[in-house]
N, C-alpha and C. Protein backbone atom coordinates (compact mmCIF):
# COMPACT_ATOMS: atom_id res chain seq x y z
N MET A 1 0.85 -1.27 0.34
CA MET A 1 -0.20 0.06 -0.03
C MET A 1 0.72 1.19 -0.35
N VAL A 2 0.32 2.32 -0.93
CA VAL A 2 1.46 3.64 -0.74
C VAL A 2 1.19 4.00 0.02
N SER A 3 2.45 4.63 0.53
CA SER A 3 2.02 5.38 1.96
C SER A 3 2.99 6.78 1.41
N ILE A 4 2.51 7.60 2.26
CA ILE A 4 3.74 8.95 2.03
C ILE A 4 3.45 9.87 3.14
N GLU A 5 5.32 10.10 3.46
CA GLU A 5 5.72 11.21 4.89
C GLU A 5 6.46 12.16 4.48
N LEU A 6 5.95 13.30 4.90
CA LEU A 6 5.98 14.60 4.92
C LEU A 6 7.63 14.85 5.02
N LEU A 7 8.27 15.08 4.58
CA LEU A 7 9.77 15.43 5.24
C LEU A 7 9.84 16.77 5.62
N VAL A 8 10.16 17.47 6.11
CA VAL A 8 10.61 19.15 6.68
C VAL A 8 11.70 19.24 7.51
N SER A 9 12.52 18.65 7.04
CA SER A 9 13.88 18.79 7.35
C SER A 9 15.19 18.07 6.19
N THR A 10 16.51 19.42 6.19
CA THR A 10 17.17 18.38 5.09
C THR A 10 17.65 17.27 5.92
N THR A 11 17.70 16.81 7.25
CA THR A 11 18.54 15.14 7.54
C THR A 11 17.05 14.40 7.56
N GLY A 12 16.28 14.91 7.68
CA GLY A 12 14.90 13.59 7.31
C GLY A 12 15.12 13.68 5.95
N ILE A 13 15.08 14.34 4.86
CA ILE A 13 15.64 14.08 3.34
C ILE A 13 16.90 13.26 3.33
N ARG A 14 17.90 13.60 3.44
CA ARG A 14 18.92 13.06 3.28
C ARG A 14 18.70 11.26 4.03
N SER A 15 18.23 11.30 4.90
CA SER A 15 17.96 10.16 5.51
C SER A 15 17.29 9.23 4.57
N SER A 16 16.05 9.13 4.23
CA SER A 16 15.20 9.14 3.26
C SER A 16 16.05 8.52 2.19
N ILE A 17 16.57 9.57 1.44
CA ILE A 17 17.39 9.13 0.22
C ILE A 17 17.95 8.10 0.59
N GLU A 18 18.83 8.17 1.63
CA GLU A 18 19.40 6.89 2.30
C GLU A 18 18.78 5.48 1.94
N ASP A 19 17.48 5.64 2.59
CA ASP A 19 16.54 4.47 2.71
C ASP A 19 16.39 4.09 1.45
N VAL A 20 16.02 4.82 0.24
CA VAL A 20 15.99 4.48 -0.90
C VAL A 20 17.52 3.85 -1.63
N ILE A 21 18.21 3.96 -1.39
CA ILE A 21 19.39 3.66 -1.76
C ILE A 21 19.41 2.14 -1.23
N ASP A 22 19.16 2.05 0.38
CA ASP A 22 19.77 1.10 0.75
C ASP A 22 18.52 -0.24 0.47
N SER A 23 17.35 0.24 -0.16
CA SER A 23 16.41 -0.71 -0.47
C SER A 23 16.06 -0.80 -1.55
N ALA A 24 16.94 -0.08 -2.61
CA ALA A 24 17.15 -0.76 -4.10
C ALA A 24 17.81 -1.95 -4.23
N GLN A 25 16.92 -2.27 -5.14
CA GLN A 25 17.10 -4.21 -5.86
C GLN A 25 17.25 -4.22 -7.13
N LYS A 26 16.74 -3.15 -7.86
CA LYS A 26 16.55 -3.65 -9.48
C LYS A 26 17.25 -1.86 -9.87
N PHE A 27 17.39 -1.36 -9.51
CA PHE A 27 17.65 0.55 -10.17
C PHE A 27 17.68 1.27 -8.57
N ILE A 28 18.39 2.88 -9.15
CA ILE A 28 18.36 3.91 -8.46
C ILE A 28 18.52 5.12 -9.29
N ILE A 29 17.85 5.85 -9.43
CA ILE A 29 17.65 6.96 -10.28
C ILE A 29 18.09 8.10 -9.37
N LEU A 30 18.87 9.14 -9.51
CA LEU A 30 19.30 9.93 -8.73
C LEU A 30 19.28 11.36 -9.74
N VAL A 31 17.82 12.50 -9.61
CA VAL A 31 17.86 13.44 -10.11
C VAL A 31 17.67 14.74 -9.23
N SER A 32 18.93 15.39 -9.82
CA SER A 32 18.90 16.79 -9.18
C SER A 32 19.91 18.11 -10.17
N PRO A 33 19.37 18.71 -9.93
CA PRO A 33 20.19 19.73 -11.11
C PRO A 33 21.21 20.05 -10.82
N TYR A 34 21.94 20.34 -9.42
CA TYR A 34 23.15 20.86 -9.04
C TYR A 34 23.57 19.45 -8.10
N TRP A 35 24.78 19.32 -8.31
CA TRP A 35 25.70 17.86 -7.16
C TRP A 35 27.05 18.64 -7.06
N SER A 36 27.44 18.54 -6.27
CA SER A 36 28.93 18.14 -5.67
C SER A 36 29.16 17.26 -4.72
N PHE A 37 29.81 16.21 -5.30
CA PHE A 37 29.63 14.60 -4.05
C PHE A 37 30.67 15.13 -3.50
N LYS A 38 31.81 15.42 -3.57
CA LYS A 38 33.19 15.71 -2.60
C LYS A 38 32.67 16.71 -1.83
N LYS A 39 32.85 17.94 -2.33
CA LYS A 39 32.43 19.09 -1.22
C LYS A 39 31.32 18.91 -0.16
N TYR A 40 30.21 17.98 -0.91
CA TYR A 40 29.13 17.96 -0.04
C TYR A 40 29.28 16.75 1.16
N TYR A 41 29.66 15.74 0.68
CA TYR A 41 29.63 14.55 1.32
C TYR A 41 30.44 14.75 2.45
N GLU A 42 31.84 14.95 2.14
CA GLU A 42 33.14 15.42 3.02
C GLU A 42 32.33 16.46 4.14
N ASN A 43 32.30 17.68 3.82
CA ASN A 43 31.78 18.82 4.62
C ASN A 43 30.78 18.14 5.58
N VAL A 44 29.57 17.68 5.05
CA VAL A 44 28.75 17.33 5.56
C VAL A 44 28.03 15.98 6.43
N GLY A 45 29.00 15.46 6.09
CA GLY A 45 29.29 14.11 7.12
C GLY A 45 28.43 13.05 6.36
N LEU A 46 28.13 13.34 4.84
CA LEU A 46 26.97 12.36 4.10
C LEU A 46 28.23 11.51 3.47
N ASP A 47 29.51 11.24 3.77
CA ASP A 47 29.84 10.15 2.97
C ASP A 47 29.25 8.68 3.30
N ILE A 48 28.40 8.42 4.32
CA ILE A 48 28.04 7.44 4.23
C ILE A 48 26.66 6.96 2.99
N LEU A 49 26.70 8.03 2.61
CA LEU A 49 25.88 8.51 1.65
C LEU A 49 26.56 7.54 -0.45
N VAL A 50 27.41 8.17 -0.04
CA VAL A 50 28.52 7.81 -1.30
C VAL A 50 29.21 6.45 -0.93
N SER A 51 29.28 6.08 -0.13
CA SER A 51 29.51 4.38 0.47
C SER A 51 28.41 3.83 -0.01
N LYS A 52 27.48 3.49 0.06
CA LYS A 52 25.71 2.91 0.34
C LYS A 52 25.74 3.06 -1.40
N LEU A 53 25.87 4.00 -2.25
CA LEU A 53 25.28 3.91 -3.91
C LEU A 53 26.61 3.49 -3.87
N LYS A 54 27.75 3.19 -3.72
CA LYS A 54 29.04 2.57 -4.35
C LYS A 54 28.61 1.12 -4.18
N ALA A 55 28.45 1.08 -2.94
CA ALA A 55 27.99 -0.42 -2.75
C ALA A 55 27.26 -1.12 -3.47
N LYS A 56 26.06 -0.41 -3.47
CA LYS A 56 24.99 -0.65 -4.60
C LYS A 56 25.48 -0.82 -6.31
N ILE A 57 26.29 0.01 -6.79
CA ILE A 57 26.99 0.02 -7.86
C ILE A 57 28.01 -1.41 -7.96
N ASP A 58 28.47 -1.39 -6.90
CA ASP A 58 29.64 -2.85 -7.03
C ASP A 58 28.78 -4.33 -7.30
N LYS A 59 27.58 -3.85 -6.64
CA LYS A 59 26.50 -4.95 -6.59
C LYS A 59 26.12 -5.23 -7.87
N GLY A 60 26.26 -4.85 -8.52
CA GLY A 60 25.36 -4.70 -9.97
C GLY A 60 24.55 -3.81 -10.37
N ILE A 61 23.97 -3.20 -9.30
CA ILE A 61 22.40 -2.57 -9.75
C ILE A 61 22.62 -0.82 -10.27
N PRO A 62 22.01 -0.94 -11.23
CA PRO A 62 21.89 -0.22 -12.08
C PRO A 62 21.91 0.99 -11.62
N VAL A 63 22.92 2.29 -11.60
CA VAL A 63 22.24 3.84 -11.02
C VAL A 63 22.65 4.57 -12.06
N ILE A 64 21.51 5.38 -11.81
CA ILE A 64 21.26 6.73 -13.23
C ILE A 64 21.50 8.35 -12.29
N CYS A 65 22.32 8.91 -12.82
CA CYS A 65 23.09 10.08 -12.09
C CYS A 65 22.51 11.21 -13.22
N VAL A 66 21.31 12.05 -12.87
CA VAL A 66 21.18 12.96 -14.28
C VAL A 66 21.27 14.67 -13.59
N TRP A 67 22.06 15.62 -14.19
CA TRP A 67 22.23 17.13 -13.09
C TRP A 67 21.86 17.58 -14.58
N ARG A 68 21.99 18.67 -14.12
CA ARG A 68 21.84 20.23 -15.25
C ARG A 68 23.03 20.40 -15.64
N ASN A 69 23.43 21.18 -16.96
CA ASN A 69 24.67 21.70 -17.35
C ASN A 69 24.20 22.78 -18.12
N ASP A 70 24.29 24.33 -17.46
CA ASP A 70 23.61 25.68 -18.19
C ASP A 70 24.60 25.61 -19.19
N PHE A 71 25.44 25.08 -19.71
CA PHE A 71 27.10 25.61 -20.54
C PHE A 71 26.96 24.26 -21.41
N VAL A 72 28.08 24.17 -21.66
CA VAL A 72 28.69 23.32 -22.82
C VAL A 72 28.28 21.79 -22.06
N ILE A 73 27.85 20.78 -22.98
CA ILE A 73 27.96 19.25 -22.48
C ILE A 73 29.40 18.82 -22.79
N GLU A 74 30.27 18.61 -22.07
CA GLU A 74 30.91 17.98 -21.77
C GLU A 74 31.63 16.82 -22.26
N ASP A 75 32.70 16.06 -22.82
CA ASP A 75 32.78 14.82 -22.80
C ASP A 75 32.97 13.56 -21.63
N VAL A 76 31.58 13.30 -21.35
CA VAL A 76 31.32 12.61 -19.94
C VAL A 76 32.82 11.83 -19.44
N CYS A 77 33.36 11.21 -20.44
CA CYS A 77 34.32 10.45 -19.90
C CYS A 77 35.61 10.78 -20.01
N SER A 78 35.73 12.09 -20.66
CA SER A 78 37.20 12.71 -20.54
C SER A 78 37.87 12.90 -18.93
N ARG A 79 39.10 12.83 -18.95
CA ARG A 79 39.83 13.46 -17.96
C ARG A 79 39.31 15.21 -17.59
N ASN A 80 39.27 15.14 -16.10
CA ASN A 80 38.65 16.63 -15.90
C ASN A 80 37.20 16.98 -15.98
N SER A 81 36.50 16.27 -16.37
CA SER A 81 35.31 16.53 -16.12
C SER A 81 34.49 16.55 -15.39
N LYS A 82 33.44 16.73 -15.15
CA LYS A 82 32.20 17.06 -13.53
C LYS A 82 32.31 15.29 -13.76
N TYR A 83 32.08 14.38 -14.62
CA TYR A 83 31.80 12.93 -14.71
C TYR A 83 33.35 12.47 -14.04
N GLU A 84 34.19 12.69 -13.88
CA GLU A 84 35.63 11.94 -13.55
C GLU A 84 35.01 12.44 -11.77
N LYS A 85 35.12 13.41 -11.72
CA LYS A 85 34.93 14.34 -10.21
C LYS A 85 33.94 13.18 -9.45
N ILE A 86 32.61 12.65 -10.14
CA ILE A 86 32.01 11.91 -9.51
C ILE A 86 32.66 10.72 -9.46
N LEU A 87 32.97 9.98 -10.19
CA LEU A 87 33.88 8.61 -10.39
C LEU A 87 35.03 8.89 -9.34
N ARG A 88 35.05 9.58 -9.03
CA ARG A 88 36.47 9.99 -7.99
C ARG A 88 35.67 9.62 -6.87
N GLY A 89 34.93 10.41 -6.56
CA GLY A 89 34.11 10.68 -5.05
C GLY A 89 33.59 9.44 -4.93
N LEU A 90 33.26 8.86 -6.11
CA LEU A 90 32.66 7.30 -5.69
C LEU A 90 33.80 5.67 -5.45
N GLY A 91 35.06 6.43 -5.77
CA GLY A 91 36.04 5.52 -5.68
C GLY A 91 36.43 5.32 -7.15
N TYR A 92 36.16 5.44 -7.70
CA TYR A 92 36.14 5.16 -9.34
C TYR A 92 37.22 5.60 -10.03
N ASN A 93 37.38 5.70 -11.78
CA ASN A 93 38.16 6.45 -12.60
C ASN A 93 37.90 6.16 -13.56
N VAL A 94 38.06 7.29 -14.59
CA VAL A 94 37.44 6.80 -16.08
C VAL A 94 37.69 5.67 -16.44
N ASP A 95 39.15 4.98 -15.90
CA ASP A 95 39.62 3.65 -16.86
C ASP A 95 38.76 2.48 -16.18
N ASN A 96 38.53 2.70 -15.21
CA ASN A 96 37.85 1.36 -14.72
C ASN A 96 35.82 2.08 -14.16
N ALA A 97 35.09 2.62 -14.91
CA ALA A 97 34.19 3.24 -14.20
C ALA A 97 33.09 2.05 -14.55
N PRO A 98 32.37 1.61 -13.68
CA PRO A 98 31.79 0.87 -14.23
C PRO A 98 30.50 0.52 -14.96
N SER A 99 30.24 -0.17 -15.96
CA SER A 99 29.01 -0.26 -16.89
C SER A 99 27.43 -0.05 -16.26
N ASN A 100 27.38 0.15 -15.29
CA ASN A 100 26.07 0.04 -14.58
C ASN A 100 25.70 1.32 -14.00
N LEU A 101 26.93 2.36 -14.28
CA LEU A 101 26.49 3.25 -13.70
C LEU A 101 26.29 4.36 -14.86
N TYR A 102 25.29 5.27 -14.69
CA TYR A 102 24.85 6.46 -15.99
C TYR A 102 25.01 7.61 -15.41
N ILE A 103 26.11 8.56 -16.14
CA ILE A 103 25.91 9.70 -15.19
C ILE A 103 25.89 10.68 -16.42
N ARG A 104 24.57 11.36 -16.72
CA ARG A 104 23.92 12.15 -17.89
C ARG A 104 23.71 14.19 -17.36
N TYR A 105 24.02 14.57 -18.21
CA TYR A 105 23.49 16.19 -18.23
C TYR A 105 22.11 16.48 -18.99
N ASN A 106 21.55 17.01 -18.45
CA ASN A 106 20.24 17.49 -18.63
C ASN A 106 20.41 19.68 -19.09
N GLN A 107 20.25 19.60 -20.28
CA GLN A 107 20.47 21.19 -20.09
C GLN A 107 19.57 21.95 -19.93
N TYR A 108 20.02 22.99 -19.16
CA TYR A 108 18.92 24.51 -18.95
C TYR A 108 17.81 24.03 -18.11
N LEU A 109 16.71 23.33 -18.83
CA LEU A 109 15.48 23.11 -17.70
C LEU A 109 15.47 22.48 -16.56
N LEU A 110 16.22 21.51 -16.25
CA LEU A 110 15.74 20.44 -15.17
C LEU A 110 15.84 21.67 -14.00
N HIS A 111 14.80 21.45 -12.96
CA HIS A 111 14.60 22.00 -11.99
C HIS A 111 14.29 20.69 -11.25
N SER A 112 13.79 19.46 -11.32
CA SER A 112 13.35 18.27 -10.69
C SER A 112 14.90 17.64 -9.49
N LYS A 113 14.11 17.53 -8.33
CA LYS A 113 14.85 16.92 -7.93
C LYS A 113 14.35 15.32 -7.22
N PHE A 114 14.57 14.23 -7.13
CA PHE A 114 13.76 12.87 -7.12
C PHE A 114 15.04 12.39 -6.96
N TYR A 115 14.80 11.59 -6.18
CA TYR A 115 15.61 10.21 -5.91
C TYR A 115 14.99 8.53 -5.75
N MET A 116 14.87 8.08 -6.48
CA MET A 116 13.83 6.70 -6.34
C MET A 116 14.85 5.59 -6.34
N ASN A 117 13.75 4.26 -6.25
CA ASN A 117 14.22 3.11 -6.95
C ASN A 117 12.95 2.16 -7.09
N GLU A 118 12.87 1.38 -7.50
CA GLU A 118 11.53 0.30 -8.21
C GLU A 118 10.67 0.47 -7.33
N ASN A 119 10.75 0.93 -6.26
CA ASN A 119 9.45 1.51 -5.22
C ASN A 119 9.11 2.27 -4.94
N ASP A 120 10.21 2.86 -3.57
CA ASP A 120 10.03 4.46 -3.00
C ASP A 120 10.83 5.41 -4.12
N ILE A 121 10.12 6.56 -3.73
CA ILE A 121 10.89 7.79 -4.55
C ILE A 121 10.70 8.97 -3.13
N VAL A 122 11.62 9.38 -2.88
CA VAL A 122 11.80 11.05 -2.24
C VAL A 122 11.56 12.42 -3.44
N ILE A 123 10.35 12.91 -3.39
CA ILE A 123 10.53 14.00 -4.14
C ILE A 123 10.68 15.55 -3.31
N SER A 124 12.07 16.08 -3.40
CA SER A 124 12.15 17.41 -2.39
C SER A 124 12.41 18.42 -2.96
N SER A 125 12.65 19.63 -2.25
CA SER A 125 13.06 20.71 -2.88
C SER A 125 15.16 20.75 -2.93
N MET A 126 15.45 19.87 -2.53
CA MET A 126 16.79 19.75 -1.70
C MET A 126 17.84 19.26 -2.79
N ASN A 127 18.52 20.05 -3.52
CA ASN A 127 19.83 19.83 -4.42
C ASN A 127 20.61 18.85 -3.73
N LEU A 128 21.48 18.25 -4.50
CA LEU A 128 22.97 17.82 -3.50
C LEU A 128 24.02 18.30 -3.76
N LEU A 129 24.03 19.01 -2.60
CA LEU A 129 24.90 20.36 -2.48
C LEU A 129 25.09 20.67 -1.05
N GLU A 130 25.77 21.10 -1.01
CA GLU A 130 26.52 21.44 0.95
C GLU A 130 25.48 22.81 0.89
N SER A 131 25.42 23.60 0.39
CA SER A 131 24.36 24.70 0.50
C SER A 131 23.35 24.54 0.58
N SER A 132 22.73 22.89 0.14
CA SER A 132 21.29 22.33 0.51
C SER A 132 21.05 22.02 2.06
N ILE A 133 22.03 21.86 2.70
CA ILE A 133 21.81 20.95 3.89
C ILE A 133 21.54 22.52 4.76
N LYS A 134 22.01 23.67 4.85
CA LYS A 134 21.78 24.49 5.17
C LYS A 134 20.47 25.35 5.57
N ASN A 135 19.67 25.21 4.05
CA ASN A 135 18.82 25.74 3.56
C ASN A 135 17.49 24.91 4.35
N TYR A 136 16.42 25.74 4.52
CA TYR A 136 15.22 25.39 5.05
C TYR A 136 14.61 24.05 3.60
N GLU A 137 14.43 23.31 3.46
CA GLU A 137 13.82 22.17 2.65
C GLU A 137 12.81 21.27 2.88
N ILE A 138 11.85 20.90 2.11
CA ILE A 138 10.83 20.12 2.00
C ILE A 138 10.72 19.11 1.38
N GLY A 139 10.48 18.02 1.47
CA GLY A 139 10.42 16.76 0.39
C GLY A 139 8.96 16.06 0.93
N VAL A 140 8.59 14.81 0.25
CA VAL A 140 7.83 14.03 0.31
C VAL A 140 8.39 12.18 0.38
N PHE A 141 8.48 11.78 1.01
CA PHE A 141 8.94 10.29 1.04
C PHE A 141 7.95 9.46 0.52
N ILE A 142 7.81 8.79 -0.80
CA ILE A 142 6.53 8.13 -0.99
C ILE A 142 6.87 6.50 -1.14
N LYS A 143 6.49 5.66 -0.26
CA LYS A 143 6.88 4.44 0.00
C LYS A 143 6.30 3.16 -0.67
N ASP A 144 6.57 2.66 -1.87
CA ASP A 144 5.55 1.25 -2.08
C ASP A 144 4.90 2.24 -3.55
N TYR A 145 5.55 2.97 -4.01
CA TYR A 145 4.54 4.16 -5.02
C TYR A 145 4.53 3.34 -6.39
N SER A 146 4.97 1.94 -6.34
CA SER A 146 5.03 1.07 -7.14
C SER A 146 3.20 0.69 -7.27
N ASP A 147 2.59 0.57 -6.00
CA ASP A 147 1.56 -0.90 -5.65
C ASP A 147 0.34 0.48 -6.75
N SER A 148 0.96 2.00 -7.33
CA SER A 148 -0.37 2.74 -7.89
C SER A 148 0.06 3.01 -9.21
N LYS A 149 -0.55 2.08 -9.98
CA LYS A 149 -0.09 2.05 -11.49
C LYS A 149 -0.43 3.17 -12.24
N SER A 150 -1.20 4.02 -11.40
CA SER A 150 -1.07 5.50 -11.87
C SER A 150 -0.09 6.26 -11.88
N PHE A 151 0.32 6.04 -10.45
CA PHE A 151 1.28 7.14 -9.83
C PHE A 151 2.42 6.60 -10.90
N THR A 152 2.56 5.40 -10.97
CA THR A 152 3.90 5.00 -11.32
C THR A 152 3.70 5.40 -13.04
N LYS A 153 2.99 4.92 -13.87
CA LYS A 153 3.31 5.93 -14.73
C LYS A 153 3.83 7.01 -15.25
N GLU A 154 2.99 8.06 -14.54
CA GLU A 154 2.99 9.34 -14.28
C GLU A 154 4.51 9.22 -13.91
N ILE A 155 5.10 8.92 -13.15
CA ILE A 155 6.40 9.40 -12.36
C ILE A 155 7.60 8.39 -13.60
N TYR A 156 7.31 7.32 -13.89
CA TYR A 156 8.32 6.77 -15.36
C TYR A 156 8.00 7.88 -16.50
N ASN A 157 7.04 8.52 -17.33
CA ASN A 157 6.64 9.58 -17.81
C ASN A 157 7.21 10.67 -17.44
N HIS A 158 7.65 11.32 -16.73
CA HIS A 158 8.37 12.05 -15.98
C HIS A 158 9.68 11.64 -16.55
N ILE A 159 9.94 10.99 -15.46
CA ILE A 159 11.78 9.94 -15.98
C ILE A 159 12.17 10.13 -17.33
N ARG A 160 11.08 9.84 -17.92
CA ARG A 160 11.74 10.00 -19.62
C ARG A 160 11.30 11.30 -20.32
N GLU A 161 10.86 12.37 -19.67
CA GLU A 161 11.03 13.62 -20.26
C GLU A 161 11.95 14.65 -19.77
N VAL A 162 12.64 13.96 -18.41
CA VAL A 162 14.17 14.89 -17.70
C VAL A 162 15.05 14.02 -18.41
N THR A 163 14.99 12.86 -19.07
CA THR A 163 16.30 11.94 -19.48
C THR A 163 16.12 11.98 -21.04
N SER A 164 15.05 12.67 -21.33
CA SER A 164 14.85 12.94 -22.90
C SER A 164 16.08 12.97 -23.97
N GLN A 165 16.86 13.96 -23.57
CA GLN A 165 17.97 14.35 -24.06
C GLN A 165 19.75 13.31 -23.49
N CYS A 166 19.61 12.17 -22.56
CA CYS A 166 20.43 11.90 -22.10
C CYS A 166 20.76 10.87 -23.02
N ASN A 167 20.24 10.17 -23.90
CA ASN A 167 20.33 8.98 -24.31
C ASN A 167 20.72 7.52 -23.67
N LEU A 168 19.47 7.67 -22.64
CA LEU A 168 18.97 6.63 -21.89
C LEU A 168 17.78 5.76 -21.98
N ASP A 169 17.18 5.84 -23.52
CA ASP A 169 16.03 4.90 -23.83
C ASP A 169 16.47 3.50 -23.25
N LYS A 170 17.35 3.12 -24.15
CA LYS A 170 17.56 1.47 -24.00
C LYS A 170 17.36 1.04 -22.40
N VAL A 171 18.41 2.01 -22.03
CA VAL A 171 18.58 1.96 -20.05
C VAL A 171 17.26 1.59 -19.40
N LEU A 172 16.67 2.90 -19.68
CA LEU A 172 15.15 2.84 -19.42
C LEU A 172 14.00 1.99 -19.50
N ASP A 173 14.22 1.35 -21.04
CA ASP A 173 13.56 0.71 -21.16
C ASP A 173 13.54 -1.19 -20.67
N LYS A 174 14.49 -1.20 -20.41
CA LYS A 174 15.11 -1.92 -19.37
C LYS A 174 14.34 -2.37 -17.64
N LEU A 175 14.82 -0.90 -17.33
CA LEU A 175 14.47 -0.66 -15.75
C LEU A 175 12.90 -0.62 -15.58
N LEU A 176 12.57 0.36 -16.34
CA LEU A 176 10.76 0.61 -16.05
C LEU A 176 10.09 -0.18 -16.76
N VAL A 177 9.69 -1.09 -15.48
CA VAL A 177 8.92 -2.22 -16.92
C VAL A 177 7.97 -2.61 -15.72
């Protein structure tokens, strides 16, 4: 049965994102316009989130990360790209990037922030930035959303819209069934 919990603190939002990662068995999708893995996690003590994410990647669970890039889309596999910084934050490098980790840019219009697996989703105002921890943020944690066919259809449609420029159609066709 679908349940909805209101999240009125950044601690609650972060904890719920951890729950989404912990309970993932089929996939993880993290969408936030702005990311700063290294600074965000080291300065705010959220390195546990990165460790949990890396453990899921190492178990072979597909992880999709989408963020906004207002400028030029760089070659995500090149050295010194934002992708490489994220990989380093997760303990990888360009030469050994896991095939089940998909990091993509969405240009200009991305404002959505959601963190989900095959059953649960956090929809929030919080970006994955250090400054977001200090802000007043709000969100909802929807557990067992997959029990609602209409909600599942709508959120999957939104994911496809948000990722339409990201060359993820084949990946999403496998995951979102």
